[in-house]
Amino acid sequence: MAVRIINPEYVRGFVGYLLMQESSSRWLVKVIIKETHLPKNSEMLVLSLEESDFEILHHSL
């Protein structure tokens, strides 16, 4: 499921994907950050976020 990151500030506005639920209110979210000037160079982050740190963009059926 795709989500838009609200917090932390250094990835605010990026799109991430839910990997798994850690606890009742925490999720692991995968974020891929692409460098615009170096298209082959990207970085993947896995963040542990509270549900209030992201918003769901769409549901997968």
PDB file of N, CA and C in Angstrom:
ATOM      1  N   MET A   1       0.841  -1.159   0.000  1.00  0.00           N
ATOM      2  CA  MET A   1       0.000   0.000   0.000  1.00  0.00           C
ATOM      3  C   MET A   1       0.900   1.240   0.000  1.00  0.00           C
ATOM      4  N   ALA A   2       0.587   2.191  -0.836  1.00  0.00           N
ATOM      5  CA  ALA A   2       1.381   3.418  -0.945  1.00  0.00           C
ATOM      6  C   ALA A   2       0.945   4.434   0.108  1.00  0.00           C
ATOM      7  N   VAL A   3       1.933   5.127   0.682  1.00  0.00           N
ATOM      8  CA  VAL A   3       1.666   6.157   1.689  1.00  0.00           C
ATOM      9  C   VAL A   3       2.529   7.379   1.398  1.00  0.00           C
ATOM     10  N   ARG A   4       2.048   8.540   1.824  1.00  0.00           N
ATOM     11  CA  ARG A   4       2.849   9.766   1.741  1.00  0.00           C
ATOM     12  C   ARG A   4       3.355  10.062   3.151  1.00  0.00           C
ATOM     13  N   ILE A   5       4.679  10.283   3.251  1.00  0.00           N
ATOM     14  CA  ILE A   5       5.321  10.510   4.540  1.00  0.00           C
ATOM     15  C   ILE A   5       5.045  11.940   5.013  1.00  0.00           C
ATOM     16  N   ILE A   6       4.634  12.063   6.267  1.00  0.00           N
ATOM     17  CA  ILE A   6       4.411  13.369   6.897  1.00  0.00           C
ATOM     18  C   ILE A   6       5.594  13.712   7.801  1.00  0.00           C
ATOM     19  N   ASN A   7       6.054  12.757   8.570  1.00  0.00           N
ATOM     20  CA  ASN A   7       7.199  12.902   9.471  1.00  0.00           C
ATOM     21  C   ASN A   7       8.030  11.646   9.394  1.00  0.00           C
ATOM     22  N   PRO A   8       9.323  11.714   9.537  1.00  0.00           N
ATOM     23  CA  PRO A   8      10.153  12.840   9.909  1.00  0.00           C
ATOM     24  C   PRO A   8      10.357  13.827   8.760  1.00  0.00           C
ATOM     25  N   GLU A   9      10.792  15.010   9.130  1.00  0.00           N
ATOM     26  CA  GLU A   9      10.908  16.116   8.178  1.00  0.00           C
ATOM     27  C   GLU A   9      11.825  15.804   6.995  1.00  0.00           C
ATOM     28  N   TYR A  10      12.914  15.060   7.207  1.00  0.00           N
ATOM     29  CA  TYR A  10      13.881  14.825   6.123  1.00  0.00           C
ATOM     30  C   TYR A  10      13.335  13.968   4.980  1.00  0.00           C
ATOM     31  N   VAL A  11      12.190  13.319   5.166  1.00  0.00           N
ATOM     32  CA  VAL A  11      11.554  12.564   4.082  1.00  0.00           C
ATOM     33  C   VAL A  11      10.102  12.998   3.864  1.00  0.00           C
ATOM     34  N   ARG A  12       9.721  14.134   4.437  1.00  0.00           N
ATOM     35  CA  ARG A  12       8.352  14.645   4.288  1.00  0.00           C
ATOM     36  C   ARG A  12       8.006  14.813   2.807  1.00  0.00           C
ATOM     37  N   GLY A  13       6.844  14.294   2.422  1.00  0.00           N
ATOM     38  CA  GLY A  13       6.373  14.418   1.049  1.00  0.00           C
ATOM     39  C   GLY A  13       6.761  13.252   0.152  1.00  0.00           C
ATOM     40  N   PHE A  14       7.691  12.424   0.580  1.00  0.00           N
ATOM     41  CA  PHE A  14       8.080  11.264  -0.214  1.00  0.00           C
ATOM     42  C   PHE A  14       6.994  10.196  -0.145  1.00  0.00           C
ATOM     43  N   VAL A  15       6.946   9.359  -1.164  1.00  0.00           N
ATOM     44  CA  VAL A  15       6.021   8.236  -1.183  1.00  0.00           C
ATOM     45  C   VAL A  15       6.768   6.999  -0.704  1.00  0.00           C
ATOM     46  N   GLY A  16       6.121   6.238   0.154  1.00  0.00           N
ATOM     47  CA  GLY A  16       6.688   5.004   0.654  1.00  0.00           C
ATOM     48  C   GLY A  16       5.678   3.877   0.522  1.00  0.00           C
ATOM     49  N   TYR A  17       6.103   2.682   0.886  1.00  0.00           N
ATOM     50  CA  TYR A  17       5.248   1.499   0.784  1.00  0.00           C
ATOM     51  C   TYR A  17       5.300   0.730   2.092  1.00  0.00           C
ATOM     52  N   LEU A  18       4.132   0.382   2.624  1.00  0.00           N
ATOM     53  CA  LEU A  18       4.073  -0.362   3.867  1.00  0.00           C
ATOM     54  C   LEU A  18       4.661  -1.753   3.664  1.00  0.00           C
ATOM     55  N   LEU A  19       5.591  -2.132   4.535  1.00  0.00           N
ATOM     56  CA  LEU A  19       6.198  -3.458   4.476  1.00  0.00           C
ATOM     57  C   LEU A  19       5.511  -4.414   5.444  1.00  0.00           C
ATOM     58  N   MET A  20       5.402  -3.971   6.697  1.00  0.00           N
ATOM     59  CA  MET A  20       4.753  -4.802   7.708  1.00  0.00           C
ATOM     60  C   MET A  20       4.453  -3.968   8.942  1.00  0.00           C
ATOM     61  N   GLN A  21       3.513  -4.459   9.731  1.00  0.00           N
ATOM     62  CA  GLN A  21       3.153  -3.792  10.970  1.00  0.00           C
ATOM     63  C   GLN A  21       4.073  -4.298  12.077  1.00  0.00           C
ATOM     64  N   GLU A  22       4.699  -3.368  12.803  1.00  0.00           N
ATOM     65  CA  GLU A  22       5.604  -3.737  13.899  1.00  0.00           C
ATOM     66  C   GLU A  22       4.852  -3.957  15.203  1.00  0.00           C
ATOM     67  N   SER A  23       3.896  -3.073  15.457  1.00  0.00           N
ATOM     68  CA  SER A  23       3.091  -3.142  16.675  1.00  0.00           C
ATOM     69  C   SER A  23       1.725  -2.580  16.328  1.00  0.00           C
ATOM     70  N   SER A  24       0.891  -2.368  17.331  1.00  0.00           N
ATOM     71  CA  SER A  24      -0.470  -1.906  17.040  1.00  0.00           C
ATOM     72  C   SER A  24      -0.508  -0.535  16.372  1.00  0.00           C
ATOM     73  N   SER A  25       0.526   0.284  16.550  1.00  0.00           N
ATOM     74  CA  SER A  25       0.505   1.627  15.949  1.00  0.00           C
ATOM     75  C   SER A  25       1.762   1.976  15.148  1.00  0.00           C
ATOM     76  N   ARG A  26       2.699   1.038  14.970  1.00  0.00           N
ATOM     77  CA  ARG A  26       3.938   1.305  14.231  1.00  0.00           C
ATOM     78  C   ARG A  26       4.033   0.403  13.015  1.00  0.00           C
ATOM     79  N   TRP A  27       4.567   0.992  11.927  1.00  0.00           N
ATOM     80  CA  TRP A  27       4.712   0.276  10.660  1.00  0.00           C
ATOM     81  C   TRP A  27       6.121   0.463  10.122  1.00  0.00           C
ATOM     82  N   LEU A  28       6.625  -0.545   9.416  1.00  0.00           N
ATOM     83  CA  LEU A  28       7.858  -0.406   8.644  1.00  0.00           C
ATOM     84  C   LEU A  28       7.463   0.082   7.259  1.00  0.00           C
ATOM     85  N   VAL A  29       8.087   1.161   6.826  1.00  0.00           N
ATOM     86  CA  VAL A  29       7.763   1.795   5.550  1.00  0.00           C
ATOM     87  C   VAL A  29       9.030   1.885   4.717  1.00  0.00           C
ATOM     88  N   LYS A  30       8.973   1.373   3.478  1.00  0.00           N
ATOM     89  CA  LYS A  30      10.112   1.440   2.546  1.00  0.00           C
ATOM     90  C   LYS A  30       9.970   2.697   1.700  1.00  0.00           C
ATOM     91  N   VAL A  31      11.034   3.489   1.656  1.00  0.00           N
ATOM     92  CA  VAL A  31      11.075   4.724   0.867  1.00  0.00           C
ATOM     93  C   VAL A  31      12.275   4.649  -0.060  1.00  0.00           C
ATOM     94  N   ILE A  32      12.063   4.902  -1.346  1.00  0.00           N
ATOM     95  CA  ILE A  32      13.161   4.950  -2.306  1.00  0.00           C
ATOM     96  C   ILE A  32      13.375   6.404  -2.706  1.00  0.00           C
ATOM     97  N   ILE A  33      14.570   6.891  -2.457  1.00  0.00           N
ATOM     98  CA  ILE A  33      14.919   8.281  -2.770  1.00  0.00           C
ATOM     99  C   ILE A  33      15.815   8.257  -3.996  1.00  0.00           C
ATOM    100  N   LYS A  34      15.343   8.883  -5.071  1.00  0.00           N
ATOM    101  CA  LYS A  34      16.109   8.923  -6.325  1.00  0.00           C
ATOM    102  C   LYS A  34      16.750  10.282  -6.481  1.00  0.00           C
ATOM    103  N   GLU A  35      17.999  10.262  -6.894  1.00  0.00           N
ATOM    104  CA  GLU A  35      18.719  11.500  -7.200  1.00  0.00           C
ATOM    105  C   GLU A  35      18.366  11.915  -8.621  1.00  0.00           C
ATOM    106  N   THR A  36      17.836  13.105  -8.810  1.00  0.00           N
ATOM    107  CA  THR A  36      17.400  13.542 -10.140  1.00  0.00           C
ATOM    108  C   THR A  36      18.568  13.731 -11.096  1.00  0.00           C
ATOM    109  N   HIS A  37      19.707  14.160 -10.601  1.00  0.00           N
ATOM    110  CA  HIS A  37      20.849  14.392 -11.490  1.00  0.00           C
ATOM    111  C   HIS A  37      21.643  13.106 -11.760  1.00  0.00           C
ATOM    112  N   LEU A  38      21.393  12.064 -10.996  1.00  0.00           N
ATOM    113  CA  LEU A  38      22.057  10.780 -11.202  1.00  0.00           C
ATOM    114  C   LEU A  38      20.991   9.684 -11.183  1.00  0.00           C
ATOM    115  N   PRO A  39      20.302   9.443 -12.292  1.00  0.00           N
ATOM    116  CA  PRO A  39      19.156   8.543 -12.301  1.00  0.00           C
ATOM    117  C   PRO A  39      19.442   7.110 -11.856  1.00  0.00           C
ATOM    118  N   LYS A  40      20.679   6.641 -12.026  1.00  0.00           N
ATOM    119  CA  LYS A  40      20.998   5.279 -11.611  1.00  0.00           C
ATOM    120  C   LYS A  40      21.338   5.194 -10.134  1.00  0.00           C
ATOM    121  N   ASN A  41      21.441   6.344  -9.487  1.00  0.00           N
ATOM    122  CA  ASN A  41      21.835   6.393  -8.090  1.00  0.00           C
ATOM    123  C   ASN A  41      20.610   6.658  -7.225  1.00  0.00           C
ATOM    124  N   SER A  42      20.201   5.668  -6.455  1.00  0.00           N
ATOM    125  CA  SER A  42      19.079   5.856  -5.554  1.00  0.00           C
ATOM    126  C   SER A  42      19.388   5.197  -4.222  1.00  0.00           C
ATOM    127  N   GLU A  43      18.650   5.594  -3.233  1.00  0.00           N
ATOM    128  CA  GLU A  43      18.863   5.093  -1.885  1.00  0.00           C
ATOM    129  C   GLU A  43      17.542   4.563  -1.346  1.00  0.00           C
ATOM    130  N   MET A  44      17.566   3.420  -0.686  1.00  0.00           N
ATOM    131  CA  MET A  44      16.365   2.875  -0.081  1.00  0.00           C
ATOM    132  C   MET A  44      16.482   2.994   1.432  1.00  0.00           C
ATOM    133  N   LEU A  45      15.431   3.512   2.041  1.00  0.00           N
ATOM    134  CA  LEU A  45      15.363   3.610   3.493  1.00  0.00           C
ATOM    135  C   LEU A  45      14.213   2.764   3.986  1.00  0.00           C
ATOM    136  N   VAL A  46      14.375   2.155   5.137  1.00  0.00           N
ATOM    137  CA  VAL A  46      13.259   1.501   5.819  1.00  0.00           C
ATOM    138  C   VAL A  46      13.081   2.245   7.133  1.00  0.00           C
ATOM    139  N   LEU A  47      11.909   2.825   7.291  1.00  0.00           N
ATOM    140  CA  LEU A  47      11.607   3.647   8.455  1.00  0.00           C
ATOM    141  C   LEU A  47      10.601   2.949   9.346  1.00  0.00           C
ATOM    142  N   SER A  48      10.715   3.127  10.631  1.00  0.00           N
ATOM    143  CA  SER A  48       9.724   2.678  11.596  1.00  0.00           C
ATOM    144  C   SER A  48       8.903   3.906  11.971  1.00  0.00           C
ATOM    145  N   LEU A  49       7.644   3.926  11.533  1.00  0.00           N
ATOM    146  CA  LEU A  49       6.816   5.118  11.694  1.00  0.00           C
ATOM    147  C   LEU A  49       5.535   4.824  12.468  1.00  0.00           C
ATOM    148  N   GLU A  50       5.094   5.817  13.221  1.00  0.00           N
ATOM    149  CA  GLU A  50       3.778   5.784  13.852  1.00  0.00           C
ATOM    150  C   GLU A  50       2.734   6.001  12.765  1.00  0.00           C
ATOM    151  N   GLU A  51       1.513   5.538  12.992  1.00  0.00           N
ATOM    152  CA  GLU A  51       0.452   5.732  12.003  1.00  0.00           C
ATOM    153  C   GLU A  51       0.202   7.209  11.709  1.00  0.00           C
ATOM    154  N   SER A  52       0.472   8.080  12.666  1.00  0.00           N
ATOM    155  CA  SER A  52       0.271   9.515  12.462  1.00  0.00           C
ATOM    156  C   SER A  52       1.369  10.147  11.607  1.00  0.00           C
ATOM    157  N   ASP A  53       2.434   9.399  11.286  1.00  0.00           N
ATOM    158  CA  ASP A  53       3.562   9.915  10.505  1.00  0.00           C
ATOM    159  C   ASP A  53       3.376   9.759   8.999  1.00  0.00           C
ATOM    160  N   PHE A  54       2.270   9.142   8.567  1.00  0.00           N
ATOM    161  CA  PHE A  54       2.029   8.971   7.133  1.00  0.00           C
ATOM    162  C   PHE A  54       0.538   8.971   6.852  1.00  0.00           C
ATOM    163  N   GLU A  55       0.213   9.187   5.559  1.00  0.00           N
ATOM    164  CA  GLU A  55      -1.180   9.103   5.128  1.00  0.00           C
ATOM    165  C   GLU A  55      -1.267   8.126   3.969  1.00  0.00           C
ATOM    166  N   ILE A  56      -2.317   7.339   3.951  1.00  0.00           N
ATOM    167  CA  ILE A  56      -2.503   6.334   2.903  1.00  0.00           C
ATOM    168  C   ILE A  56      -2.921   7.017   1.614  1.00  0.00           C
ATOM    169  N   LEU A  57      -2.237   6.680   0.509  1.00  0.00           N
ATOM    170  CA  LEU A  57      -2.564   7.251  -0.798  1.00  0.00           C
ATOM    171  C   LEU A  57      -3.644   6.450  -1.518  1.00  0.00           C
ATOM    172  N   HIS A  58      -3.546   5.122  -1.478  1.00  0.00           N
ATOM    173  CA  HIS A  58      -4.575   4.279  -2.073  1.00  0.00           C
ATOM    174  C   HIS A  58      -4.472   2.886  -1.495  1.00  0.00           C
ATOM    175  N   HIS A  59      -5.571   2.157  -1.554  1.00  0.00           N
ATOM    176  CA  HIS A  59      -5.621   0.777  -1.058  1.00  0.00           C
ATOM    177  C   HIS A  59      -5.416  -0.192  -2.209  1.00  0.00           C
ATOM    178  N   SER A  60      -4.708  -1.266  -1.964  1.00  0.00           N
ATOM    179  CA  SER A  60      -4.593  -2.350  -2.931  1.00  0.00           C
ATOM    180  C   SER A  60      -5.707  -3.342  -2.651  1.00  0.00           C
ATOM    181  N   LEU A  61      -6.451  -3.715  -3.668  1.00  0.00           N
ATOM    182  CA  LEU A  61      -7.541  -4.674  -3.479  1.00  0.00           C
ATOM    183  C   LEU A  61      -7.138  -6.051  -3.890  1.00  0.00           C
TER     184      LEU A  61
END
